[in-house]
Amino acid sequence: MLEIIVRGLAPYVGGNMARAAVEGHAHKLGLRGSELDPSGVDALLDTLSPGLHVFIGREKTVQIVAEIRATIAAARGRR
């Protein structure tokens, strides 16, 4: 799931920044491993959102986070 989040953010903040932000916030939240349960995904995206507002604005952040959530839901449905 972390990789899906990184891929969703990378076009807007760059690959390195996306990876650093996702991994750093996941670590701060105590989230381990690439597979997150739904509450972990929600917590991580909620934590990342305020920083994204600075880079891409509130409306675009809402759109991107919704797209990431949909991609994660689809990935979970394929299992």
N, C-alpha and C. Protein backbone atom coordinates (compact mmCIF):
# COMPACT_ATOMS: atom_id res chain seq x y z
N MET A 1 0.81 -1.20 0.00
CA MET A 1 0.00 0.00 0.00
C MET A 1 0.86 1.26 0.00
N LEU A 2 2.01 1.20 0.67
CA LEU A 2 2.88 2.38 0.69
C LEU A 2 3.29 2.76 -0.73
N GLU A 3 3.59 1.77 -1.54
CA GLU A 3 4.04 2.06 -2.90
C GLU A 3 2.92 2.71 -3.72
N ILE A 4 1.69 2.31 -3.50
CA ILE A 4 0.56 2.94 -4.20
C ILE A 4 0.47 4.41 -3.81
N ILE A 5 0.66 4.70 -2.53
CA ILE A 5 0.61 6.08 -2.07
C ILE A 5 1.75 6.88 -2.68
N VAL A 6 2.95 6.32 -2.68
CA VAL A 6 4.11 7.00 -3.27
C VAL A 6 3.85 7.29 -4.75
N ARG A 7 3.36 6.29 -5.48
CA ARG A 7 3.09 6.48 -6.92
C ARG A 7 2.02 7.54 -7.15
N GLY A 8 1.04 7.62 -6.24
CA GLY A 8 -0.01 8.62 -6.39
C GLY A 8 0.47 10.03 -6.15
N LEU A 9 1.46 10.19 -5.28
CA LEU A 9 1.98 11.52 -4.95
C LEU A 9 3.11 11.98 -5.86
N ALA A 10 3.87 11.04 -6.38
CA ALA A 10 5.09 11.36 -7.13
C ALA A 10 4.91 12.36 -8.27
N PRO A 11 3.86 12.27 -9.06
CA PRO A 11 3.74 13.24 -10.15
C PRO A 11 3.61 14.69 -9.68
N TYR A 12 3.25 14.88 -8.43
CA TYR A 12 2.98 16.22 -7.92
C TYR A 12 4.12 16.78 -7.08
N VAL A 13 4.84 15.90 -6.37
CA VAL A 13 5.91 16.39 -5.49
C VAL A 13 7.26 15.75 -5.80
N GLY A 14 7.30 14.89 -6.80
CA GLY A 14 8.53 14.19 -7.16
C GLY A 14 8.65 12.87 -6.42
N GLY A 15 9.33 11.94 -7.04
CA GLY A 15 9.45 10.60 -6.48
C GLY A 15 10.18 10.56 -5.15
N ASN A 16 11.29 11.28 -5.06
CA ASN A 16 12.06 11.26 -3.81
C ASN A 16 11.29 11.89 -2.67
N MET A 17 10.66 13.02 -2.92
CA MET A 17 9.88 13.69 -1.87
C MET A 17 8.69 12.83 -1.46
N ALA A 18 8.03 12.21 -2.42
CA ALA A 18 6.88 11.36 -2.12
C ALA A 18 7.31 10.19 -1.24
N ARG A 19 8.39 9.52 -1.62
CA ARG A 19 8.86 8.36 -0.85
C ARG A 19 9.30 8.78 0.55
N ALA A 20 10.04 9.87 0.65
CA ALA A 20 10.51 10.34 1.96
C ALA A 20 9.34 10.71 2.86
N ALA A 21 8.36 11.40 2.31
CA ALA A 21 7.21 11.82 3.11
C ALA A 21 6.40 10.61 3.58
N VAL A 22 6.12 9.69 2.67
CA VAL A 22 5.32 8.51 3.01
C VAL A 22 6.05 7.66 4.04
N GLU A 23 7.31 7.38 3.80
CA GLU A 23 8.05 6.53 4.73
C GLU A 23 8.25 7.22 6.08
N GLY A 24 8.55 8.51 6.06
CA GLY A 24 8.75 9.25 7.30
C GLY A 24 7.49 9.32 8.15
N HIS A 25 6.38 9.64 7.53
CA HIS A 25 5.12 9.72 8.28
C HIS A 25 4.65 8.34 8.73
N ALA A 26 4.86 7.32 7.91
CA ALA A 26 4.49 5.96 8.31
C ALA A 26 5.29 5.56 9.55
N HIS A 27 6.57 5.89 9.55
CA HIS A 27 7.41 5.57 10.70
C HIS A 27 6.93 6.30 11.95
N LYS A 28 6.64 7.59 11.82
CA LYS A 28 6.15 8.38 12.96
C LYS A 28 4.84 7.83 13.51
N LEU A 29 4.02 7.28 12.63
CA LEU A 29 2.73 6.72 13.05
C LEU A 29 2.87 5.29 13.57
N GLY A 30 4.07 4.74 13.47
CA GLY A 30 4.29 3.37 13.93
C GLY A 30 3.78 2.32 12.96
N LEU A 31 3.62 2.69 11.70
CA LEU A 31 3.13 1.77 10.68
C LEU A 31 4.33 1.05 10.07
N ARG A 32 4.28 -0.25 10.05
CA ARG A 32 5.40 -1.05 9.55
C ARG A 32 4.96 -1.91 8.38
N GLY A 33 5.88 -2.14 7.46
CA GLY A 33 5.60 -3.01 6.33
C GLY A 33 4.89 -2.26 5.22
N SER A 34 4.91 -2.85 4.06
CA SER A 34 4.31 -2.21 2.90
C SER A 34 2.80 -2.39 2.86
N GLU A 35 2.29 -3.39 3.57
CA GLU A 35 0.84 -3.62 3.59
C GLU A 35 0.24 -2.97 4.83
N LEU A 36 -0.71 -2.10 4.63
CA LEU A 36 -1.36 -1.40 5.74
C LEU A 36 -2.82 -1.80 5.81
N ASP A 37 -3.35 -1.87 7.02
CA ASP A 37 -4.79 -2.10 7.14
C ASP A 37 -5.50 -0.78 6.82
N PRO A 38 -6.81 -0.82 6.61
CA PRO A 38 -7.53 0.41 6.22
C PRO A 38 -7.33 1.57 7.19
N SER A 39 -7.27 1.30 8.49
CA SER A 39 -7.09 2.40 9.44
C SER A 39 -5.70 3.00 9.31
N GLY A 40 -4.71 2.19 8.98
CA GLY A 40 -3.36 2.70 8.76
C GLY A 40 -3.28 3.57 7.53
N VAL A 41 -3.96 3.15 6.47
CA VAL A 41 -4.01 3.96 5.24
C VAL A 41 -4.67 5.30 5.53
N ASP A 42 -5.79 5.26 6.23
CA ASP A 42 -6.51 6.50 6.56
C ASP A 42 -5.64 7.43 7.39
N ALA A 43 -4.98 6.89 8.40
CA ALA A 43 -4.13 7.71 9.26
C ALA A 43 -2.98 8.33 8.46
N LEU A 44 -2.37 7.55 7.60
CA LEU A 44 -1.25 8.04 6.81
C LEU A 44 -1.69 9.13 5.84
N LEU A 45 -2.78 8.90 5.13
CA LEU A 45 -3.26 9.91 4.17
C LEU A 45 -3.71 11.17 4.89
N ASP A 46 -4.33 11.02 6.05
CA ASP A 46 -4.75 12.19 6.83
C ASP A 46 -3.54 12.99 7.31
N THR A 47 -2.46 12.31 7.63
CA THR A 47 -1.24 12.97 8.09
C THR A 47 -0.51 13.66 6.94
N LEU A 48 -0.53 13.06 5.78
CA LEU A 48 0.14 13.64 4.61
C LEU A 48 -0.61 14.85 4.02
N SER A 49 -1.91 14.87 4.16
CA SER A 49 -2.74 15.88 3.49
C SER A 49 -2.36 17.33 3.80
N PRO A 50 -2.14 17.72 5.05
CA PRO A 50 -1.81 19.13 5.30
C PRO A 50 -0.55 19.60 4.57
N GLY A 51 0.45 18.76 4.49
CA GLY A 51 1.66 19.12 3.77
C GLY A 51 1.42 19.25 2.27
N LEU A 52 0.54 18.39 1.75
CA LEU A 52 0.22 18.47 0.32
C LEU A 52 -0.51 19.77 -0.01
N HIS A 53 -1.30 20.26 0.93
CA HIS A 53 -2.01 21.53 0.69
C HIS A 53 -1.02 22.62 0.31
N VAL A 54 0.13 22.63 0.94
CA VAL A 54 1.14 23.66 0.68
C VAL A 54 1.66 23.56 -0.75
N PHE A 55 1.89 22.34 -1.22
CA PHE A 55 2.48 22.13 -2.54
C PHE A 55 1.48 22.21 -3.68
N ILE A 56 0.28 21.69 -3.48
CA ILE A 56 -0.64 21.55 -4.61
C ILE A 56 -2.02 22.12 -4.36
N GLY A 57 -2.26 22.65 -3.18
CA GLY A 57 -3.56 23.24 -2.88
C GLY A 57 -4.54 22.23 -2.31
N ARG A 58 -5.53 22.75 -1.62
CA ARG A 58 -6.50 21.91 -0.92
C ARG A 58 -7.35 21.09 -1.88
N GLU A 59 -7.89 21.71 -2.92
CA GLU A 59 -8.78 20.98 -3.83
C GLU A 59 -8.05 19.83 -4.53
N LYS A 60 -6.84 20.10 -5.01
CA LYS A 60 -6.08 19.06 -5.71
C LYS A 60 -5.70 17.94 -4.73
N THR A 61 -5.38 18.31 -3.48
CA THR A 61 -5.07 17.30 -2.47
C THR A 61 -6.25 16.37 -2.26
N VAL A 62 -7.44 16.93 -2.13
CA VAL A 62 -8.64 16.12 -1.93
C VAL A 62 -8.82 15.15 -3.10
N GLN A 63 -8.61 15.65 -4.30
CA GLN A 63 -8.76 14.82 -5.50
C GLN A 63 -7.72 13.69 -5.51
N ILE A 64 -6.47 14.02 -5.24
CA ILE A 64 -5.40 13.02 -5.28
C ILE A 64 -5.60 11.96 -4.19
N VAL A 65 -5.95 12.39 -2.99
CA VAL A 65 -6.17 11.44 -1.90
C VAL A 65 -7.33 10.52 -2.23
N ALA A 66 -8.38 11.04 -2.84
CA ALA A 66 -9.51 10.20 -3.24
C ALA A 66 -9.07 9.17 -4.29
N GLU A 67 -8.23 9.61 -5.23
CA GLU A 67 -7.73 8.68 -6.25
C GLU A 67 -6.86 7.59 -5.63
N ILE A 68 -6.03 7.97 -4.67
CA ILE A 68 -5.18 6.98 -3.99
C ILE A 68 -6.05 5.98 -3.23
N ARG A 69 -7.06 6.48 -2.52
CA ARG A 69 -7.96 5.59 -1.78
C ARG A 69 -8.65 4.61 -2.73
N ALA A 70 -9.09 5.08 -3.89
CA ALA A 70 -9.76 4.23 -4.86
C ALA A 70 -8.80 3.17 -5.42
N THR A 71 -7.57 3.56 -5.67
CA THR A 71 -6.58 2.62 -6.18
C THR A 71 -6.28 1.54 -5.15
N ILE A 72 -6.17 1.93 -3.88
CA ILE A 72 -5.93 0.96 -2.80
C ILE A 72 -7.13 0.04 -2.66
N ALA A 73 -8.33 0.58 -2.72
CA ALA A 73 -9.54 -0.26 -2.60
C ALA A 73 -9.59 -1.27 -3.74
N ALA A 74 -9.26 -0.83 -4.94
CA ALA A 74 -9.26 -1.75 -6.08
C ALA A 74 -8.19 -2.83 -5.91
N ALA A 75 -7.03 -2.45 -5.41
CA ALA A 75 -5.96 -3.43 -5.19
C ALA A 75 -6.37 -4.46 -4.15
N ARG A 76 -7.07 -4.02 -3.13
CA ARG A 76 -7.54 -4.96 -2.09
C ARG A 76 -8.60 -5.89 -2.66
N GLY A 77 -9.40 -5.39 -3.59
CA GLY A 77 -10.46 -6.20 -4.18
C GLY A 77 -9.92 -7.28 -5.10
N ARG A 78 -8.72 -7.10 -5.61
CA ARG A 78 -8.11 -8.08 -6.51
C ARG A 78 -7.50 -9.25 -5.76
N ARG A 79 -7.42 -9.16 -4.47
CA ARG A 79 -6.81 -10.26 -3.69
C ARG A 79 -7.79 -11.36 -3.45
